[in-house]
Amino acid sequence: MSLKSEIEEFQSMINKIVESLEEVSGSSATIPETAVDELSNKISSLSEGCEEVSSELRTAIEMLEGIKSHWG
């Protein structure tokens, strides 16, 4: 894989992470309007979204480290 294609893949991954964070942010903005009996579900959903972003971010970091080790 060329350096350019590796960087493009990394950028694509970062864009996906940003989109996921925007979804979490949008969902968290609705917490004040959430009914008390739905709050637990809302928080669980937000937690899952954050965990997904965390996993994606770890993968992006590993990819970036790979690019660095391969290309300097």
PDB file of N, CA and C in Angstrom:
ATOM      1  N   MET A   1       0.851  -1.170   0.000  1.00  0.00           N
ATOM      2  CA  MET A   1       0.000   0.000   0.000  1.00  0.00           C
ATOM      3  C   MET A   1       0.904   1.242   0.000  1.00  0.00           C
ATOM      4  N   SER A   2       0.553   2.229  -0.777  1.00  0.00           N
ATOM      5  CA  SER A   2       1.358   3.440  -0.856  1.00  0.00           C
ATOM      6  C   SER A   2       1.094   4.341   0.358  1.00  0.00           C
ATOM      7  N   LEU A   3       2.007   5.257   0.594  1.00  0.00           N
ATOM      8  CA  LEU A   3       1.848   6.206   1.694  1.00  0.00           C
ATOM      9  C   LEU A   3       0.553   6.996   1.510  1.00  0.00           C
ATOM     10  N   LYS A   4       0.308   7.437   0.293  1.00  0.00           N
ATOM     11  CA  LYS A   4      -0.900   8.218   0.029  1.00  0.00           C
ATOM     12  C   LYS A   4      -2.156   7.430   0.378  1.00  0.00           C
ATOM     13  N   SER A   5      -2.218   6.166  -0.019  1.00  0.00           N
ATOM     14  CA  SER A   5      -3.415   5.373   0.265  1.00  0.00           C
ATOM     15  C   SER A   5      -3.547   5.089   1.760  1.00  0.00           C
ATOM     16  N   GLU A   6      -2.437   4.913   2.456  1.00  0.00           N
ATOM     17  CA  GLU A   6      -2.506   4.709   3.907  1.00  0.00           C
ATOM     18  C   GLU A   6      -3.018   5.962   4.606  1.00  0.00           C
ATOM     19  N   ILE A   7      -2.546   7.122   4.160  1.00  0.00           N
ATOM     20  CA  ILE A   7      -3.002   8.382   4.750  1.00  0.00           C
ATOM     21  C   ILE A   7      -4.479   8.605   4.452  1.00  0.00           C
ATOM     22  N   GLU A   8      -4.911   8.294   3.240  1.00  0.00           N
ATOM     23  CA  GLU A   8      -6.327   8.435   2.892  1.00  0.00           C
ATOM     24  C   GLU A   8      -7.192   7.511   3.738  1.00  0.00           C
ATOM     25  N   GLU A   9      -6.717   6.304   3.979  1.00  0.00           N
ATOM     26  CA  GLU A   9      -7.457   5.364   4.830  1.00  0.00           C
ATOM     27  C   GLU A   9      -7.545   5.899   6.261  1.00  0.00           C
ATOM     28  N   PHE A  10      -6.444   6.458   6.758  1.00  0.00           N
ATOM     29  CA  PHE A  10      -6.435   7.044   8.096  1.00  0.00           C
ATOM     30  C   PHE A  10      -7.421   8.215   8.166  1.00  0.00           C
ATOM     31  N   GLN A  11      -7.388   9.090   7.161  1.00  0.00           N
ATOM     32  CA  GLN A  11      -8.299  10.234   7.145  1.00  0.00           C
ATOM     33  C   GLN A  11      -9.757   9.776   7.113  1.00  0.00           C
ATOM     34  N   SER A  12     -10.032   8.745   6.355  1.00  0.00           N
ATOM     35  CA  SER A  12     -11.383   8.204   6.295  1.00  0.00           C
ATOM     36  C   SER A  12     -11.818   7.689   7.664  1.00  0.00           C
ATOM     37  N   MET A  13     -10.911   7.033   8.347  1.00  0.00           N
ATOM     38  CA  MET A  13     -11.213   6.521   9.677  1.00  0.00           C
ATOM     39  C   MET A  13     -11.481   7.676  10.656  1.00  0.00           C
ATOM     40  N   ILE A  14     -10.678   8.726  10.576  1.00  0.00           N
ATOM     41  CA  ILE A  14     -10.870   9.885  11.449  1.00  0.00           C
ATOM     42  C   ILE A  14     -12.221  10.540  11.163  1.00  0.00           C
ATOM     43  N   ASN A  15     -12.584  10.648   9.891  1.00  0.00           N
ATOM     44  CA  ASN A  15     -13.883  11.223   9.541  1.00  0.00           C
ATOM     45  C   ASN A  15     -15.025  10.406  10.135  1.00  0.00           C
ATOM     46  N   LYS A  16     -14.875   9.081  10.127  1.00  0.00           N
ATOM     47  CA  LYS A  16     -15.902   8.214  10.717  1.00  0.00           C
ATOM     48  C   LYS A  16     -15.987   8.437  12.231  1.00  0.00           C
ATOM     49  N   ILE A  17     -14.834   8.602  12.862  1.00  0.00           N
ATOM     50  CA  ILE A  17     -14.809   8.854  14.307  1.00  0.00           C
ATOM     51  C   ILE A  17     -15.519  10.169  14.621  1.00  0.00           C
ATOM     52  N   VAL A  18     -15.240  11.196  13.830  1.00  0.00           N
ATOM     53  CA  VAL A  18     -15.876  12.497  14.040  1.00  0.00           C
ATOM     54  C   VAL A  18     -17.395  12.378  13.883  1.00  0.00           C
ATOM     55  N   GLU A  19     -17.837  11.655  12.868  1.00  0.00           N
ATOM     56  CA  GLU A  19     -19.273  11.448  12.673  1.00  0.00           C
ATOM     57  C   GLU A  19     -19.891  10.730  13.876  1.00  0.00           C
ATOM     58  N   SER A  20     -19.194   9.721  14.375  1.00  0.00           N
ATOM     59  CA  SER A  20     -19.697   8.987  15.542  1.00  0.00           C
ATOM     60  C   SER A  20     -19.779   9.896  16.760  1.00  0.00           C
ATOM     61  N   LEU A  21     -18.771  10.735  16.949  1.00  0.00           N
ATOM     62  CA  LEU A  21     -18.786  11.677  18.077  1.00  0.00           C
ATOM     63  C   LEU A  21     -19.919  12.688  17.935  1.00  0.00           C
ATOM     64  N   GLU A  22     -20.177  13.119  16.710  1.00  0.00           N
ATOM     65  CA  GLU A  22     -21.282  14.052  16.487  1.00  0.00           C
ATOM     66  C   GLU A  22     -22.619  13.401  16.833  1.00  0.00           C
ATOM     67  N   GLU A  23     -22.760  12.117  16.527  1.00  0.00           N
ATOM     68  CA  GLU A  23     -23.983  11.397  16.893  1.00  0.00           C
ATOM     69  C   GLU A  23     -24.138  11.323  18.410  1.00  0.00           C
ATOM     70  N   VAL A  24     -23.051  11.015  19.103  1.00  0.00           N
ATOM     71  CA  VAL A  24     -23.086  10.958  20.564  1.00  0.00           C
ATOM     72  C   VAL A  24     -23.422  12.337  21.126  1.00  0.00           C
ATOM     73  N   SER A  25     -22.806  13.355  20.581  1.00  0.00           N
ATOM     74  CA  SER A  25     -23.064  14.718  21.037  1.00  0.00           C
ATOM     75  C   SER A  25     -24.522  15.106  20.824  1.00  0.00           C
ATOM     76  N   GLY A  26     -25.055  14.782  19.645  1.00  0.00           N
ATOM     77  CA  GLY A  26     -26.453  15.088  19.368  1.00  0.00           C
ATOM     78  C   GLY A  26     -27.393  14.364  20.308  1.00  0.00           C
ATOM     79  N   SER A  27     -27.088  13.123  20.568  1.00  0.00           N
ATOM     80  CA  SER A  27     -27.917  12.342  21.473  1.00  0.00           C
ATOM     81  C   SER A  27     -27.813  12.878  22.905  1.00  0.00           C
ATOM     82  N   SER A  28     -26.623  13.267  23.302  1.00  0.00           N
ATOM     83  CA  SER A  28     -26.456  13.776  24.668  1.00  0.00           C
ATOM     84  C   SER A  28     -27.185  15.106  24.860  1.00  0.00           C
ATOM     85  N   ALA A  29     -27.356  15.855  23.786  1.00  0.00           N
ATOM     86  CA  ALA A  29     -28.056  17.133  23.886  1.00  0.00           C
ATOM     87  C   ALA A  29     -29.527  16.950  24.228  1.00  0.00           C
ATOM     88  N   THR A  30     -30.043  15.746  23.998  1.00  0.00           N
ATOM     89  CA  THR A  30     -31.462  15.496  24.278  1.00  0.00           C
ATOM     90  C   THR A  30     -31.703  14.968  25.694  1.00  0.00           C
ATOM     91  N   ILE A  31     -30.652  14.825  26.470  1.00  0.00           N
ATOM     92  CA  ILE A  31     -30.819  14.312  27.840  1.00  0.00           C
ATOM     93  C   ILE A  31     -31.808  15.146  28.653  1.00  0.00           C
ATOM     94  N   PRO A  32     -31.739  16.477  28.596  1.00  0.00           N
ATOM     95  CA  PRO A  32     -32.688  17.243  29.421  1.00  0.00           C
ATOM     96  C   PRO A  32     -34.163  16.960  29.106  1.00  0.00           C
ATOM     97  N   GLU A  33     -34.473  16.574  27.868  1.00  0.00           N
ATOM     98  CA  GLU A  33     -35.859  16.293  27.510  1.00  0.00           C
ATOM     99  C   GLU A  33     -36.234  14.826  27.719  1.00  0.00           C
ATOM    100  N   THR A  34     -35.292  14.003  28.125  1.00  0.00           N
ATOM    101  CA  THR A  34     -35.550  12.572  28.272  1.00  0.00           C
ATOM    102  C   THR A  34     -36.377  12.313  29.524  1.00  0.00           C
ATOM    103  N   ALA A  35     -37.404  11.508  29.353  1.00  0.00           N
ATOM    104  CA  ALA A  35     -38.240  11.128  30.496  1.00  0.00           C
ATOM    105  C   ALA A  35     -37.398  10.321  31.481  1.00  0.00           C
ATOM    106  N   VAL A  36     -37.697  10.487  32.740  1.00  0.00           N
ATOM    107  CA  VAL A  36     -36.928   9.827  33.793  1.00  0.00           C
ATOM    108  C   VAL A  36     -36.884   8.318  33.588  1.00  0.00           C
ATOM    109  N   ASP A  37     -38.001   7.726  33.164  1.00  0.00           N
ATOM    110  CA  ASP A  37     -38.031   6.273  32.989  1.00  0.00           C
ATOM    111  C   ASP A  37     -37.243   5.812  31.766  1.00  0.00           C
ATOM    112  N   GLU A  38     -36.831   6.735  30.899  1.00  0.00           N
ATOM    113  CA  GLU A  38     -36.020   6.408  29.720  1.00  0.00           C
ATOM    114  C   GLU A  38     -34.559   6.809  29.886  1.00  0.00           C
ATOM    115  N   LEU A  39     -34.252   7.458  30.999  1.00  0.00           N
ATOM    116  CA  LEU A  39     -32.903   7.986  31.213  1.00  0.00           C
ATOM    117  C   LEU A  39     -31.842   6.893  31.243  1.00  0.00           C
ATOM    118  N   SER A  40     -32.149   5.783  31.872  1.00  0.00           N
ATOM    119  CA  SER A  40     -31.191   4.676  31.945  1.00  0.00           C
ATOM    120  C   SER A  40     -30.845   4.168  30.549  1.00  0.00           C
ATOM    121  N   ASN A  41     -31.856   4.009  29.698  1.00  0.00           N
ATOM    122  CA  ASN A  41     -31.616   3.563  28.323  1.00  0.00           C
ATOM    123  C   ASN A  41     -30.779   4.579  27.550  1.00  0.00           C
ATOM    124  N   LYS A  42     -31.091   5.858  27.742  1.00  0.00           N
ATOM    125  CA  LYS A  42     -30.352   6.922  27.057  1.00  0.00           C
ATOM    126  C   LYS A  42     -28.880   6.891  27.462  1.00  0.00           C
ATOM    127  N   ILE A  43     -28.631   6.764  28.755  1.00  0.00           N
ATOM    128  CA  ILE A  43     -27.253   6.747  29.250  1.00  0.00           C
ATOM    129  C   ILE A  43     -26.521   5.506  28.754  1.00  0.00           C
ATOM    130  N   SER A  44     -27.196   4.376  28.736  1.00  0.00           N
ATOM    131  CA  SER A  44     -26.575   3.154  28.211  1.00  0.00           C
ATOM    132  C   SER A  44     -26.211   3.313  26.739  1.00  0.00           C
ATOM    133  N   SER A  45     -27.104   3.920  25.978  1.00  0.00           N
ATOM    134  CA  SER A  45     -26.837   4.160  24.565  1.00  0.00           C
ATOM    135  C   SER A  45     -25.650   5.093  24.374  1.00  0.00           C
ATOM    136  N   LEU A  46     -25.587   6.137  25.170  1.00  0.00           N
ATOM    137  CA  LEU A  46     -24.454   7.064  25.094  1.00  0.00           C
ATOM    138  C   LEU A  46     -23.148   6.372  25.469  1.00  0.00           C
ATOM    139  N   SER A  47     -23.210   5.536  26.478  1.00  0.00           N
ATOM    140  CA  SER A  47     -22.025   4.792  26.899  1.00  0.00           C
ATOM    141  C   SER A  47     -21.531   3.874  25.786  1.00  0.00           C
ATOM    142  N   GLU A  48     -22.464   3.179  25.137  1.00  0.00           N
ATOM    143  CA  GLU A  48     -22.097   2.300  24.020  1.00  0.00           C
ATOM    144  C   GLU A  48     -21.475   3.107  22.881  1.00  0.00           C
ATOM    145  N   GLY A  49     -22.040   4.274  22.592  1.00  0.00           N
ATOM    146  CA  GLY A  49     -21.489   5.138  21.550  1.00  0.00           C
ATOM    147  C   GLY A  49     -20.078   5.587  21.877  1.00  0.00           C
ATOM    148  N   CYS A  50     -19.847   5.939  23.121  1.00  0.00           N
ATOM    149  CA  CYS A  50     -18.502   6.357  23.548  1.00  0.00           C
ATOM    150  C   CYS A  50     -17.513   5.193  23.471  1.00  0.00           C
ATOM    151  N   GLU A  51     -17.952   4.006  23.865  1.00  0.00           N
ATOM    152  CA  GLU A  51     -17.086   2.829  23.780  1.00  0.00           C
ATOM    153  C   GLU A  51     -16.715   2.532  22.328  1.00  0.00           C
ATOM    154  N   GLU A  52     -17.683   2.677  21.430  1.00  0.00           N
ATOM    155  CA  GLU A  52     -17.419   2.449  20.016  1.00  0.00           C
ATOM    156  C   GLU A  52     -16.384   3.451  19.492  1.00  0.00           C
ATOM    157  N   VAL A  53     -16.556   4.712  19.849  1.00  0.00           N
ATOM    158  CA  VAL A  53     -15.604   5.747  19.430  1.00  0.00           C
ATOM    159  C   VAL A  53     -14.229   5.455  20.010  1.00  0.00           C
ATOM    160  N   SER A  54     -14.178   5.038  21.252  1.00  0.00           N
ATOM    161  CA  SER A  54     -12.905   4.717  21.889  1.00  0.00           C
ATOM    162  C   SER A  54     -12.180   3.606  21.143  1.00  0.00           C
ATOM    163  N   SER A  55     -12.921   2.578  20.779  1.00  0.00           N
ATOM    164  CA  SER A  55     -12.342   1.465  20.020  1.00  0.00           C
ATOM    165  C   SER A  55     -11.840   1.933  18.655  1.00  0.00           C
ATOM    166  N   GLU A  56     -12.656   2.737  17.977  1.00  0.00           N
ATOM    167  CA  GLU A  56     -12.258   3.256  16.669  1.00  0.00           C
ATOM    168  C   GLU A  56     -11.006   4.132  16.787  1.00  0.00           C
ATOM    169  N   LEU A  57     -10.942   4.908  17.849  1.00  0.00           N
ATOM    170  CA  LEU A  57      -9.787   5.777  18.057  1.00  0.00           C
ATOM    171  C   LEU A  57      -8.521   4.965  18.319  1.00  0.00           C
ATOM    172  N   ARG A  58      -8.634   3.900  19.091  1.00  0.00           N
ATOM    173  CA  ARG A  58      -7.473   3.030  19.321  1.00  0.00           C
ATOM    174  C   ARG A  58      -6.991   2.432  18.005  1.00  0.00           C
ATOM    175  N   THR A  59      -7.930   2.030  17.164  1.00  0.00           N
ATOM    176  CA  THR A  59      -7.566   1.481  15.855  1.00  0.00           C
ATOM    177  C   THR A  59      -6.871   2.540  14.999  1.00  0.00           C
ATOM    178  N   ALA A  60      -7.366   3.760  15.035  1.00  0.00           N
ATOM    179  CA  ALA A  60      -6.752   4.850  14.268  1.00  0.00           C
ATOM    180  C   ALA A  60      -5.334   5.132  14.767  1.00  0.00           C
ATOM    181  N   ILE A  61      -5.147   5.098  16.071  1.00  0.00           N
ATOM    182  CA  ILE A  61      -3.813   5.324  16.641  1.00  0.00           C
ATOM    183  C   ILE A  61      -2.858   4.225  16.190  1.00  0.00           C
ATOM    184  N   GLU A  62      -3.327   2.985  16.225  1.00  0.00           N
ATOM    185  CA  GLU A  62      -2.499   1.866  15.763  1.00  0.00           C
ATOM    186  C   GLU A  62      -2.148   2.032  14.286  1.00  0.00           C
ATOM    187  N   MET A  63      -3.115   2.461  13.496  1.00  0.00           N
ATOM    188  CA  MET A  63      -2.857   2.677  12.080  1.00  0.00           C
ATOM    189  C   MET A  63      -1.804   3.765  11.885  1.00  0.00           C
ATOM    190  N   LEU A  64      -1.939   4.844  12.633  1.00  0.00           N
ATOM    191  CA  LEU A  64      -0.983   5.944  12.532  1.00  0.00           C
ATOM    192  C   LEU A  64       0.413   5.500  12.965  1.00  0.00           C
ATOM    193  N   GLU A  65       0.492   4.694  14.016  1.00  0.00           N
ATOM    194  CA  GLU A  65       1.782   4.166  14.447  1.00  0.00           C
ATOM    195  C   GLU A  65       2.399   3.279  13.367  1.00  0.00           C
ATOM    196  N   GLY A  66       1.554   2.504  12.692  1.00  0.00           N
ATOM    197  CA  GLY A  66       2.029   1.667  11.586  1.00  0.00           C
ATOM    198  C   GLY A  66       2.575   2.495  10.443  1.00  0.00           C
ATOM    199  N   ILE A  67       1.877   3.583  10.117  1.00  0.00           N
ATOM    200  CA  ILE A  67       2.345   4.483   9.070  1.00  0.00           C
ATOM    201  C   ILE A  67       3.698   5.080   9.463  1.00  0.00           C
ATOM    202  N   LYS A  68       3.792   5.489  10.711  1.00  0.00           N
ATOM    203  CA  LYS A  68       5.037   6.093  11.188  1.00  0.00           C
ATOM    204  C   LYS A  68       6.195   5.094  11.126  1.00  0.00           C
ATOM    205  N   SER A  69       5.945   3.871  11.561  1.00  0.00           N
ATOM    206  CA  SER A  69       7.030   2.889  11.577  1.00  0.00           C
ATOM    207  C   SER A  69       7.425   2.462  10.166  1.00  0.00           C
ATOM    208  N   HIS A  70       6.465   2.456   9.252  1.00  0.00           N
ATOM    209  CA  HIS A  70       6.756   2.036   7.886  1.00  0.00           C
ATOM    210  C   HIS A  70       7.377   3.155   7.052  1.00  0.00           C
ATOM    211  N   TRP A  71       6.864   4.357   7.242  1.00  0.00           N
ATOM    212  CA  TRP A  71       7.276   5.465   6.385  1.00  0.00           C
ATOM    213  C   TRP A  71       8.174   6.487   7.092  1.00  0.00           C
ATOM    214  N   GLY A  72       8.324   6.363   8.405  1.00  0.00           N
ATOM    215  CA  GLY A  72       9.208   7.296   9.127  1.00  0.00           C
ATOM    216  C   GLY A  72       8.470   8.466   9.534  1.00  0.00           C
TER     217      GLY A  72
END
